[in-house]
Full PDB file with SEQRES, HELIX, SHEET, SSBOND, CRYST1, ORIGX, SCALE, CONECT and MASTER records, all heavy atoms in Angstrom:
SEQRES   1 A   36  LEU ARG ARG SER LEU SER GLU ILE VAL SER ALA ASP GLY          
SEQRES   2 A   36  ASP ILE PRO SER PRO LEU LEU ARG ARG ARG GLN THR VAL          
SEQRES   3 A   36  PRO ARG LYS LEU LEU LEU LEU ILE ASP VAL                      
HELIX    1 AA1 ARG A    2  SER A   10  1                                   9    
CRYST1    1.000    1.000    1.000  90.00  90.00  90.00 P 1           1          
ORIGX1      1.000000  0.000000  0.000000        0.00000                         
ORIGX2      0.000000  1.000000  0.000000        0.00000                         
ORIGX3      0.000000  0.000000  1.000000        0.00000                         
SCALE1      1.000000  0.000000  0.000000        0.00000                         
SCALE2      0.000000  1.000000  0.000000        0.00000                         
SCALE3      0.000000  0.000000  1.000000        0.00000                         
ATOM      1  N   LEU A   1     -48.962-161.294 -40.450  1.00  0.00           N  
ATOM      2  CA  LEU A   1     -47.603-161.340 -40.907  1.00  0.00           C  
ATOM      3  C   LEU A   1     -47.143-160.032 -41.503  1.00  0.00           C  
ATOM      4  O   LEU A   1     -46.015-159.665 -41.159  1.00  0.00           O  
ATOM      5  CB  LEU A   1     -47.497-162.441 -42.026  1.00  0.00           C  
ATOM      6  CG  LEU A   1     -46.155-162.827 -42.472  1.00  0.00           C  
ATOM      7  CD1 LEU A   1     -45.232-163.281 -41.366  1.00  0.00           C  
ATOM      8  CD2 LEU A   1     -46.243-163.798 -43.559  1.00  0.00           C  
ATOM      9  N   ARG A   2     -47.910-159.400 -42.136  1.00  0.00           N  
ATOM     10  CA  ARG A   2     -47.459-158.043 -42.863  1.00  0.00           C  
ATOM     11  C   ARG A   2     -47.032-157.099 -41.743  1.00  0.00           C  
ATOM     12  O   ARG A   2     -45.984-156.482 -41.774  1.00  0.00           O  
ATOM     13  CB  ARG A   2     -48.508-157.519 -43.799  1.00  0.00           C  
ATOM     14  CG  ARG A   2     -47.975-156.294 -44.556  1.00  0.00           C  
ATOM     15  CD  ARG A   2     -49.001-155.977 -45.672  1.00  0.00           C  
ATOM     16  NE  ARG A   2     -50.242-155.676 -45.200  1.00  0.00           N  
ATOM     17  CZ  ARG A   2     -51.330-155.361 -46.004  1.00  0.00           C  
ATOM     18  NH1 ARG A   2     -51.181-155.274 -47.272  1.00  0.00           N  
ATOM     19  NH2 ARG A   2     -52.580-155.106 -45.472  1.00  0.00           N  
ATOM     20  N   ARG A   3     -47.954-156.821 -40.808  1.00  0.00           N  
ATOM     21  CA  ARG A   3     -47.710-155.820 -39.790  1.00  0.00           C  
ATOM     22  C   ARG A   3     -46.450-156.405 -38.875  1.00  0.00           C  
ATOM     23  O   ARG A   3     -45.676-155.590 -38.484  1.00  0.00           O  
ATOM     24  CB  ARG A   3     -48.920-155.619 -38.898  1.00  0.00           C  
ATOM     25  CG  ARG A   3     -50.003-154.789 -39.563  1.00  0.00           C  
ATOM     26  CD  ARG A   3     -51.174-154.597 -38.583  1.00  0.00           C  
ATOM     27  NE  ARG A   3     -50.708-153.961 -37.398  1.00  0.00           N  
ATOM     28  CZ  ARG A   3     -51.128-154.275 -36.133  1.00  0.00           C  
ATOM     29  NH1 ARG A   3     -51.967-155.342 -36.054  1.00  0.00           N  
ATOM     30  NH2 ARG A   3     -50.721-153.611 -35.087  1.00  0.00           N  
ATOM     31  N   SER A   4     -46.445-157.706 -38.639  1.00  0.00           N  
ATOM     32  CA  SER A   4     -45.414-158.175 -37.834  1.00  0.00           C  
ATOM     33  C   SER A   4     -43.942-158.017 -38.471  1.00  0.00           C  
ATOM     34  O   SER A   4     -43.037-157.515 -37.876  1.00  0.00           O  
ATOM     35  CB  SER A   4     -45.558-159.742 -37.570  1.00  0.00           C  
ATOM     36  OG  SER A   4     -46.764-159.845 -36.758  1.00  0.00           O  
ATOM     37  N   LEU A   5     -43.888-158.166 -39.770  1.00  0.00           N  
ATOM     38  CA  LEU A   5     -42.684-157.966 -40.530  1.00  0.00           C  
ATOM     39  C   LEU A   5     -42.298-156.531 -40.563  1.00  0.00           C  
ATOM     40  O   LEU A   5     -41.143-156.164 -40.391  1.00  0.00           O  
ATOM     41  CB  LEU A   5     -42.794-158.484 -41.895  1.00  0.00           C  
ATOM     42  CG  LEU A   5     -42.836-160.066 -42.110  1.00  0.00           C  
ATOM     43  CD1 LEU A   5     -43.124-160.514 -43.588  1.00  0.00           C  
ATOM     44  CD2 LEU A   5     -41.526-160.639 -41.586  1.00  0.00           C  
ATOM     45  N   SER A   6     -43.238-155.680 -40.688  1.00  0.00           N  
ATOM     46  CA  SER A   6     -43.092-154.278 -40.679  1.00  0.00           C  
ATOM     47  C   SER A   6     -42.418-153.819 -39.265  1.00  0.00           C  
ATOM     48  O   SER A   6     -41.606-152.951 -39.214  1.00  0.00           O  
ATOM     49  CB  SER A   6     -44.340-153.462 -40.942  1.00  0.00           C  
ATOM     50  OG  SER A   6     -44.116-152.092 -40.899  1.00  0.00           O  
ATOM     51  N   GLU A   7     -43.025-154.392 -38.179  1.00  0.00           N  
ATOM     52  CA  GLU A   7     -42.472-154.094 -36.863  1.00  0.00           C  
ATOM     53  C   GLU A   7     -41.120-154.561 -36.744  1.00  0.00           C  
ATOM     54  O   GLU A   7     -40.211-153.836 -36.063  1.00  0.00           O  
ATOM     55  CB  GLU A   7     -43.400-154.645 -35.826  1.00  0.00           C  
ATOM     56  CG  GLU A   7     -44.782-154.033 -35.701  1.00  0.00           C  
ATOM     57  CD  GLU A   7     -44.701-152.665 -35.060  1.00  0.00           C  
ATOM     58  OE1 GLU A   7     -43.733-152.348 -34.208  1.00  0.00           O  
ATOM     59  OE2 GLU A   7     -45.402-151.740 -35.514  1.00  0.00           O  
ATOM     60  N   ILE A   8     -40.836-155.713 -37.251  1.00  0.00           N  
ATOM     61  CA  ILE A   8     -39.539-156.297 -37.070  1.00  0.00           C  
ATOM     62  C   ILE A   8     -38.455-155.379 -37.802  1.00  0.00           C  
ATOM     63  O   ILE A   8     -37.305-154.995 -37.310  1.00  0.00           O  
ATOM     64  CB  ILE A   8     -39.435-157.678 -37.712  1.00  0.00           C  
ATOM     65  CG1 ILE A   8     -40.121-158.643 -36.825  1.00  0.00           C  
ATOM     66  CG2 ILE A   8     -37.957-158.071 -37.935  1.00  0.00           C  
ATOM     67  CD1 ILE A   8     -40.247-160.079 -37.391  1.00  0.00           C  
ATOM     68  N   VAL A   9     -38.770-154.870 -39.087  1.00  0.00           N  
ATOM     69  CA  VAL A   9     -37.889-154.022 -39.772  1.00  0.00           C  
ATOM     70  C   VAL A   9     -37.711-152.695 -38.970  1.00  0.00           C  
ATOM     71  O   VAL A   9     -36.588-152.034 -38.870  1.00  0.00           O  
ATOM     72  CB  VAL A   9     -38.524-153.679 -41.215  1.00  0.00           C  
ATOM     73  CG1 VAL A   9     -37.692-152.633 -41.844  1.00  0.00           C  
ATOM     74  CG2 VAL A   9     -38.463-154.979 -42.022  1.00  0.00           C  
ATOM     75  N   SER A  10     -38.803-152.216 -38.443  1.00  0.00           N  
ATOM     76  CA  SER A  10     -38.771-150.909 -37.669  1.00  0.00           C  
ATOM     77  C   SER A  10     -37.855-151.046 -36.412  1.00  0.00           C  
ATOM     78  O   SER A  10     -37.178-150.138 -36.028  1.00  0.00           O  
ATOM     79  CB  SER A  10     -40.101-150.429 -37.248  1.00  0.00           C  
ATOM     80  OG  SER A  10     -40.918-150.236 -38.475  1.00  0.00           O  
ATOM     81  N   ALA A  11     -37.863-152.303 -35.909  1.00  0.00           N  
ATOM     82  CA  ALA A  11     -37.099-152.447 -34.653  1.00  0.00           C  
ATOM     83  C   ALA A  11     -35.649-153.095 -34.940  1.00  0.00           C  
ATOM     84  O   ALA A  11     -35.053-153.578 -34.061  1.00  0.00           O  
ATOM     85  CB  ALA A  11     -37.773-153.431 -33.769  1.00  0.00           C  
ATOM     86  N   ASP A  12     -35.179-152.947 -36.169  1.00  0.00           N  
ATOM     87  CA  ASP A  12     -33.915-153.390 -36.566  1.00  0.00           C  
ATOM     88  C   ASP A  12     -33.652-154.812 -36.291  1.00  0.00           C  
ATOM     89  O   ASP A  12     -32.548-155.219 -35.758  1.00  0.00           O  
ATOM     90  CB  ASP A  12     -32.766-152.469 -35.844  1.00  0.00           C  
ATOM     91  CG  ASP A  12     -32.724-151.055 -36.184  1.00  0.00           C  
ATOM     92  OD1 ASP A  12     -33.107-150.827 -37.451  1.00  0.00           O  
ATOM     93  OD2 ASP A  12     -32.458-150.135 -35.377  1.00  0.00           O  
ATOM     94  N   GLY A  13     -34.637-155.700 -36.581  1.00  0.00           N  
ATOM     95  CA  GLY A  13     -34.475-157.057 -36.433  1.00  0.00           C  
ATOM     96  C   GLY A  13     -34.854-157.681 -35.149  1.00  0.00           C  
ATOM     97  O   GLY A  13     -35.039-158.966 -35.030  1.00  0.00           O  
ATOM     98  N   ASP A  14     -35.239-156.905 -34.207  1.00  0.00           N  
ATOM     99  CA  ASP A  14     -35.660-157.460 -32.843  1.00  0.00           C  
ATOM    100  C   ASP A  14     -37.109-157.954 -33.128  1.00  0.00           C  
ATOM    101  O   ASP A  14     -37.862-157.501 -33.954  1.00  0.00           O  
ATOM    102  CB  ASP A  14     -35.776-156.355 -31.818  1.00  0.00           C  
ATOM    103  CG  ASP A  14     -34.378-155.904 -31.413  1.00  0.00           C  
ATOM    104  OD1 ASP A  14     -33.471-156.659 -31.642  1.00  0.00           O  
ATOM    105  OD2 ASP A  14     -34.243-154.790 -30.749  1.00  0.00           O  
ATOM    106  N   ILE A  15     -37.378-159.088 -32.398  1.00  0.00           N  
ATOM    107  CA  ILE A  15     -38.684-159.701 -32.583  1.00  0.00           C  
ATOM    108  C   ILE A  15     -39.707-159.120 -31.515  1.00  0.00           C  
ATOM    109  O   ILE A  15     -39.479-159.422 -30.362  1.00  0.00           O  
ATOM    110  CB  ILE A  15     -38.621-161.235 -32.414  1.00  0.00           C  
ATOM    111  CG1 ILE A  15     -37.678-161.809 -33.500  1.00  0.00           C  
ATOM    112  CG2 ILE A  15     -39.924-161.905 -32.529  1.00  0.00           C  
ATOM    113  CD1 ILE A  15     -37.489-163.241 -33.456  1.00  0.00           C  
ATOM    114  N   PRO A  16     -40.629-158.345 -31.842  1.00  0.00           N  
ATOM    115  CA  PRO A  16     -41.527-157.793 -30.926  1.00  0.00           C  
ATOM    116  C   PRO A  16     -42.631-158.811 -30.565  1.00  0.00           C  
ATOM    117  O   PRO A  16     -42.587-160.010 -31.004  1.00  0.00           O  
ATOM    118  CB  PRO A  16     -42.168-156.588 -31.609  1.00  0.00           C  
ATOM    119  CG  PRO A  16     -42.084-157.063 -32.993  1.00  0.00           C  
ATOM    120  CD  PRO A  16     -40.960-157.913 -33.197  1.00  0.00           C  
ATOM    121  N   SER A  17     -43.596-158.408 -29.800  1.00  0.00           N  
ATOM    122  CA  SER A  17     -44.735-159.322 -29.457  1.00  0.00           C  
ATOM    123  C   SER A  17     -45.419-159.574 -30.790  1.00  0.00           C  
ATOM    124  O   SER A  17     -45.588-158.655 -31.584  1.00  0.00           O  
ATOM    125  CB  SER A  17     -45.634-158.633 -28.452  1.00  0.00           C  
ATOM    126  OG  SER A  17     -45.014-158.461 -27.238  1.00  0.00           O  
ATOM    127  N   PRO A  18     -46.031-160.755 -30.941  1.00  0.00           N  
ATOM    128  CA  PRO A  18     -46.710-161.053 -32.227  1.00  0.00           C  
ATOM    129  C   PRO A  18     -48.006-160.188 -32.382  1.00  0.00           C  
ATOM    130  O   PRO A  18     -48.677-159.957 -31.341  1.00  0.00           O  
ATOM    131  CB  PRO A  18     -46.986-162.482 -32.188  1.00  0.00           C  
ATOM    132  CG  PRO A  18     -47.004-162.842 -30.693  1.00  0.00           C  
ATOM    133  CD  PRO A  18     -45.921-161.886 -30.084  1.00  0.00           C  
ATOM    134  N   LEU A  19     -48.231-159.782 -33.526  1.00  0.00           N  
ATOM    135  CA  LEU A  19     -49.366-158.913 -33.837  1.00  0.00           C  
ATOM    136  C   LEU A  19     -50.403-159.785 -34.449  1.00  0.00           C  
ATOM    137  O   LEU A  19     -50.131-160.561 -35.326  1.00  0.00           O  
ATOM    138  CB  LEU A  19     -49.059-157.758 -34.733  1.00  0.00           C  
ATOM    139  CG  LEU A  19     -47.911-156.778 -34.285  1.00  0.00           C  
ATOM    140  CD1 LEU A  19     -47.588-155.790 -35.302  1.00  0.00           C  
ATOM    141  CD2 LEU A  19     -48.471-156.217 -32.965  1.00  0.00           C  
ATOM    142  N   LEU A  20     -51.653-159.657 -33.952  1.00  0.00           N  
ATOM    143  CA  LEU A  20     -52.693-160.589 -34.316  1.00  0.00           C  
ATOM    144  C   LEU A  20     -53.809-159.988 -35.020  1.00  0.00           C  
ATOM    145  O   LEU A  20     -54.141-158.673 -34.814  1.00  0.00           O  
ATOM    146  CB  LEU A  20     -53.186-161.408 -33.162  1.00  0.00           C  
ATOM    147  CG  LEU A  20     -52.157-162.136 -32.399  1.00  0.00           C  
ATOM    148  CD1 LEU A  20     -52.846-162.753 -31.136  1.00  0.00           C  
ATOM    149  CD2 LEU A  20     -51.345-163.108 -33.130  1.00  0.00           C  
ATOM    150  N   ARG A  21     -54.556-160.694 -35.883  1.00  0.00           N  
ATOM    151  CA  ARG A  21     -55.810-160.205 -36.454  1.00  0.00           C  
ATOM    152  C   ARG A  21     -56.863-161.262 -36.371  1.00  0.00           C  
ATOM    153  O   ARG A  21     -56.594-162.553 -36.251  1.00  0.00           O  
ATOM    154  CB  ARG A  21     -55.698-159.925 -37.873  1.00  0.00           C  
ATOM    155  CG  ARG A  21     -54.692-158.751 -38.239  1.00  0.00           C  
ATOM    156  CD  ARG A  21     -54.725-158.355 -39.721  1.00  0.00           C  
ATOM    157  NE  ARG A  21     -55.976-157.620 -40.010  1.00  0.00           N  
ATOM    158  CZ  ARG A  21     -56.068-156.294 -39.816  1.00  0.00           C  
ATOM    159  NH1 ARG A  21     -55.125-155.588 -39.283  1.00  0.00           N  
ATOM    160  NH2 ARG A  21     -57.241-155.757 -40.109  1.00  0.00           N  
ATOM    161  N   ARG A  22     -58.131-160.882 -36.321  1.00  0.00           N  
ATOM    162  CA  ARG A  22     -59.288-161.853 -36.194  1.00  0.00           C  
ATOM    163  C   ARG A  22     -60.393-161.506 -37.075  1.00  0.00           C  
ATOM    164  O   ARG A  22     -60.619-160.372 -37.297  1.00  0.00           O  
ATOM    165  CB  ARG A  22     -59.715-161.879 -34.693  1.00  0.00           C  
ATOM    166  CG  ARG A  22     -60.902-162.836 -34.469  1.00  0.00           C  
ATOM    167  CD  ARG A  22     -61.168-162.968 -32.946  1.00  0.00           C  
ATOM    168  NE  ARG A  22     -61.421-161.727 -32.296  1.00  0.00           N  
ATOM    169  CZ  ARG A  22     -61.357-161.546 -31.029  1.00  0.00           C  
ATOM    170  NH1 ARG A  22     -61.289-162.554 -30.236  1.00  0.00           N  
ATOM    171  NH2 ARG A  22     -61.624-160.303 -30.596  1.00  0.00           N  
ATOM    172  N   ARG A  23     -60.991-162.505 -37.745  1.00  0.00           N  
ATOM    173  CA  ARG A  23     -62.072-162.242 -38.645  1.00  0.00           C  
ATOM    174  C   ARG A  23     -63.306-161.613 -37.841  1.00  0.00           C  
ATOM    175  O   ARG A  23     -63.639-162.154 -36.790  1.00  0.00           O  
ATOM    176  CB  ARG A  23     -62.500-163.511 -39.292  1.00  0.00           C  
ATOM    177  CG  ARG A  23     -61.520-163.962 -40.445  1.00  0.00           C  
ATOM    178  CD  ARG A  23     -61.846-165.365 -41.021  1.00  0.00           C  
ATOM    179  NE  ARG A  23     -63.098-165.347 -41.719  1.00  0.00           N  
ATOM    180  CZ  ARG A  23     -63.660-166.335 -42.339  1.00  0.00           C  
ATOM    181  NH1 ARG A  23     -62.946-167.503 -42.375  1.00  0.00           N  
ATOM    182  NH2 ARG A  23     -64.830-166.260 -42.917  1.00  0.00           N  
ATOM    183  N   GLN A  24     -63.916-160.680 -38.462  1.00  0.00           N  
ATOM    184  CA  GLN A  24     -65.014-159.981 -37.773  1.00  0.00           C  
ATOM    185  C   GLN A  24     -66.296-160.820 -37.926  1.00  0.00           C  
ATOM    186  O   GLN A  24     -66.467-161.650 -38.808  1.00  0.00           O  
ATOM    187  CB  GLN A  24     -65.183-158.573 -38.421  1.00  0.00           C  
ATOM    188  CG  GLN A  24     -64.026-157.607 -38.120  1.00  0.00           C  
ATOM    189  CD  GLN A  24     -64.350-156.356 -38.944  1.00  0.00           C  
ATOM    190  OE1 GLN A  24     -64.479-156.272 -40.090  1.00  0.00           O  
ATOM    191  NE2 GLN A  24     -64.324-155.167 -38.164  1.00  0.00           N  
ATOM    192  N   THR A  25     -67.170-160.504 -36.978  1.00  0.00           N  
ATOM    193  CA  THR A  25     -68.526-161.165 -36.929  1.00  0.00           C  
ATOM    194  C   THR A  25     -69.498-160.032 -37.402  1.00  0.00           C  
ATOM    195  O   THR A  25     -69.552-159.092 -36.671  1.00  0.00           O  
ATOM    196  CB  THR A  25     -68.842-161.837 -35.702  1.00  0.00           C  
ATOM    197  OG1 THR A  25     -67.923-162.881 -35.443  1.00  0.00           O  
ATOM    198  CG2 THR A  25     -70.220-162.424 -35.719  1.00  0.00           C  
ATOM    199  N   VAL A  26     -70.326-160.314 -38.386  1.00  0.00           N  
ATOM    200  CA  VAL A  26     -71.275-159.357 -38.849  1.00  0.00           C  
ATOM    201  C   VAL A  26     -72.679-159.957 -38.838  1.00  0.00           C  
ATOM    202  O   VAL A  26     -72.800-161.156 -39.129  1.00  0.00           O  
ATOM    203  CB  VAL A  26     -70.949-158.768 -40.223  1.00  0.00           C  
ATOM    204  CG1 VAL A  26     -69.520-158.082 -40.127  1.00  0.00           C  
ATOM    205  CG2 VAL A  26     -70.829-159.863 -41.263  1.00  0.00           C  
ATOM    206  N   PRO A  27     -73.681-159.199 -38.662  1.00  0.00           N  
ATOM    207  CA  PRO A  27     -75.071-159.747 -38.742  1.00  0.00           C  
ATOM    208  C   PRO A  27     -75.379-160.061 -40.238  1.00  0.00           C  
ATOM    209  O   PRO A  27     -74.898-159.452 -41.194  1.00  0.00           O  
ATOM    210  CB  PRO A  27     -76.008-158.546 -38.302  1.00  0.00           C  
ATOM    211  CG  PRO A  27     -75.041-157.506 -37.658  1.00  0.00           C  
ATOM    212  CD  PRO A  27     -73.702-157.713 -38.198  1.00  0.00           C  
ATOM    213  N   ARG A  28     -76.156-161.159 -40.473  1.00  0.00           N  
ATOM    214  CA  ARG A  28     -76.672-161.500 -41.725  1.00  0.00           C  
ATOM    215  C   ARG A  28     -77.682-160.547 -42.232  1.00  0.00           C  
ATOM    216  O   ARG A  28     -78.384-159.826 -41.444  1.00  0.00           O  
ATOM    217  CB  ARG A  28     -77.214-162.929 -41.607  1.00  0.00           C  
ATOM    218  CG  ARG A  28     -76.114-164.021 -41.493  1.00  0.00           C  
ATOM    219  CD  ARG A  28     -76.757-165.378 -41.543  1.00  0.00           C  
ATOM    220  NE  ARG A  28     -75.690-166.378 -41.462  1.00  0.00           N  
ATOM    221  CZ  ARG A  28     -75.014-166.931 -42.418  1.00  0.00           C  
ATOM    222  NH1 ARG A  28     -75.132-166.427 -43.694  1.00  0.00           N  
ATOM    223  NH2 ARG A  28     -74.006-167.789 -42.183  1.00  0.00           N  
ATOM    224  N   LYS A  29     -77.929-160.660 -43.541  1.00  0.00           N  
ATOM    225  CA  LYS A  29     -79.063-159.739 -44.075  1.00  0.00           C  
ATOM    226  C   LYS A  29     -80.399-160.276 -43.671  1.00  0.00           C  
ATOM    227  O   LYS A  29     -80.623-161.483 -43.495  1.00  0.00           O  
ATOM    228  CB  LYS A  29     -78.898-159.757 -45.670  1.00  0.00           C  
ATOM    229  CG  LYS A  29     -77.599-159.159 -46.250  1.00  0.00           C  
ATOM    230  CD  LYS A  29     -77.436-159.416 -47.724  1.00  0.00           C  
ATOM    231  CE  LYS A  29     -77.167-160.733 -48.043  1.00  0.00           C  
ATOM    232  NZ  LYS A  29     -76.871-160.947 -49.498  1.00  0.00           N  
ATOM    233  N   LEU A  30     -81.290-159.430 -43.589  1.00  0.00           N  
ATOM    234  CA  LEU A  30     -82.786-159.692 -43.414  1.00  0.00           C  
ATOM    235  C   LEU A  30     -83.534-159.344 -44.601  1.00  0.00           C  
ATOM    236  O   LEU A  30     -83.493-158.228 -45.045  1.00  0.00           O  
ATOM    237  CB  LEU A  30     -83.276-159.028 -42.167  1.00  0.00           C  
ATOM    238  CG  LEU A  30     -84.724-159.218 -41.809  1.00  0.00           C  
ATOM    239  CD1 LEU A  30     -84.939-160.768 -41.576  1.00  0.00           C  
ATOM    240  CD2 LEU A  30     -85.127-158.284 -40.734  1.00  0.00           C  
ATOM    241  N   LEU A  31     -84.220-160.341 -45.215  1.00  0.00           N  
ATOM    242  CA  LEU A  31     -85.018-160.053 -46.390  1.00  0.00           C  
ATOM    243  C   LEU A  31     -86.597-160.383 -46.033  1.00  0.00           C  
ATOM    244  O   LEU A  31     -86.799-161.411 -45.657  1.00  0.00           O  
ATOM    245  CB  LEU A  31     -84.594-160.981 -47.587  1.00  0.00           C  
ATOM    246  CG  LEU A  31     -85.541-160.981 -48.769  1.00  0.00           C  
ATOM    247  CD1 LEU A  31     -85.588-159.626 -49.482  1.00  0.00           C  
ATOM    248  CD2 LEU A  31     -84.960-161.957 -49.822  1.00  0.00           C  
ATOM    249  N   LEU A  32     -87.310-159.377 -46.189  1.00  0.00           N  
ATOM    250  CA  LEU A  32     -88.771-159.514 -45.878  1.00  0.00           C  
ATOM    251  C   LEU A  32     -89.563-159.496 -47.151  1.00  0.00           C  
ATOM    252  O   LEU A  32     -89.434-158.500 -47.982  1.00  0.00           O  
ATOM    253  CB  LEU A  32     -89.223-158.393 -44.897  1.00  0.00           C  
ATOM    254  CG  LEU A  32     -88.559-158.371 -43.546  1.00  0.00           C  
ATOM    255  CD1 LEU A  32     -89.248-157.190 -42.762  1.00  0.00           C  
ATOM    256  CD2 LEU A  32     -88.850-159.639 -42.783  1.00  0.00           C  
ATOM    257  N   LEU A  33     -90.368-160.439 -47.490  1.00  0.00           N  
ATOM    258  CA  LEU A  33     -91.322-160.411 -48.689  1.00  0.00           C  
ATOM    259  C   LEU A  33     -92.736-160.435 -48.169  1.00  0.00           C  
ATOM    260  O   LEU A  33     -93.176-161.351 -47.461  1.00  0.00           O  
ATOM    261  CB  LEU A  33     -90.964-161.700 -49.445  1.00  0.00           C  
ATOM    262  CG  LEU A  33     -89.583-161.819 -50.039  1.00  0.00           C  
ATOM    263  CD1 LEU A  33     -89.293-163.234 -50.441  1.00  0.00           C  
ATOM    264  CD2 LEU A  33     -89.432-160.847 -51.213  1.00  0.00           C  
ATOM    265  N   ILE A  34     -93.460-159.420 -48.433  1.00  0.00           N  
ATOM    266  CA  ILE A  34     -94.807-159.170 -47.885  1.00  0.00           C  
ATOM    267  C   ILE A  34     -95.863-159.265 -48.882  1.00  0.00           C  
ATOM    268  O   ILE A  34     -95.850-158.580 -49.935  1.00  0.00           O  
ATOM    269  CB  ILE A  34     -94.761-157.639 -47.230  1.00  0.00           C  
ATOM    270  CG1 ILE A  34     -93.645-157.543 -46.148  1.00  0.00           C  
ATOM    271  CG2 ILE A  34     -96.126-157.400 -46.580  1.00  0.00           C  
ATOM    272  CD1 ILE A  34     -93.599-156.118 -45.713  1.00  0.00           C  
ATOM    273  N   ASP A  35     -96.712-160.188 -48.684  1.00  0.00           N  
ATOM    274  CA  ASP A  35     -97.867-160.429 -49.492  1.00  0.00           C  
ATOM    275  C   ASP A  35     -99.023-159.233 -49.279  1.00  0.00           C  
ATOM    276  O   ASP A  35     -99.393-159.077 -48.218  1.00  0.00           O  
ATOM    277  CB  ASP A  35     -98.512-161.722 -49.160  1.00  0.00           C  
ATOM    278  CG  ASP A  35     -99.670-162.111 -50.052  1.00  0.00           C  
ATOM    279  OD1 ASP A  35    -100.192-161.404 -50.843  1.00  0.00           O  
ATOM    280  OD2 ASP A  35    -100.027-163.259 -49.958  1.00  0.00           O  
ATOM    281  N   VAL A  36     -99.255-158.611 -50.341  1.00  0.00           N  
ATOM    282  CA  VAL A  36    -100.192-157.448 -50.200  1.00  0.00           C  
ATOM    283  C   VAL A  36    -101.492-157.737 -50.978  1.00  0.00           C  
ATOM    284  O   VAL A  36    -102.189-156.770 -51.280  1.00  0.00           O  
ATOM    285  CB  VAL A  36     -99.594-156.025 -50.738  1.00  0.00           C  
ATOM    286  CG1 VAL A  36     -98.399-155.758 -49.895  1.00  0.00           C  
ATOM    287  CG2 VAL A  36     -99.134-156.187 -52.210  1.00  0.00           C  
TER     288      VAL A  36                                                      
MASTER        0    0    0    1    0    0    0    6  287    1    0    3          
END                                                                             
């Protein structure tokens, strides 16, 4: 929404193509506990 509104203001009210965002996927942490 924020980028889309900024684009609308920049284009003097014209509605450009919608700008989208997507949540990133990241690897989970790996914890190793080693018996010595």
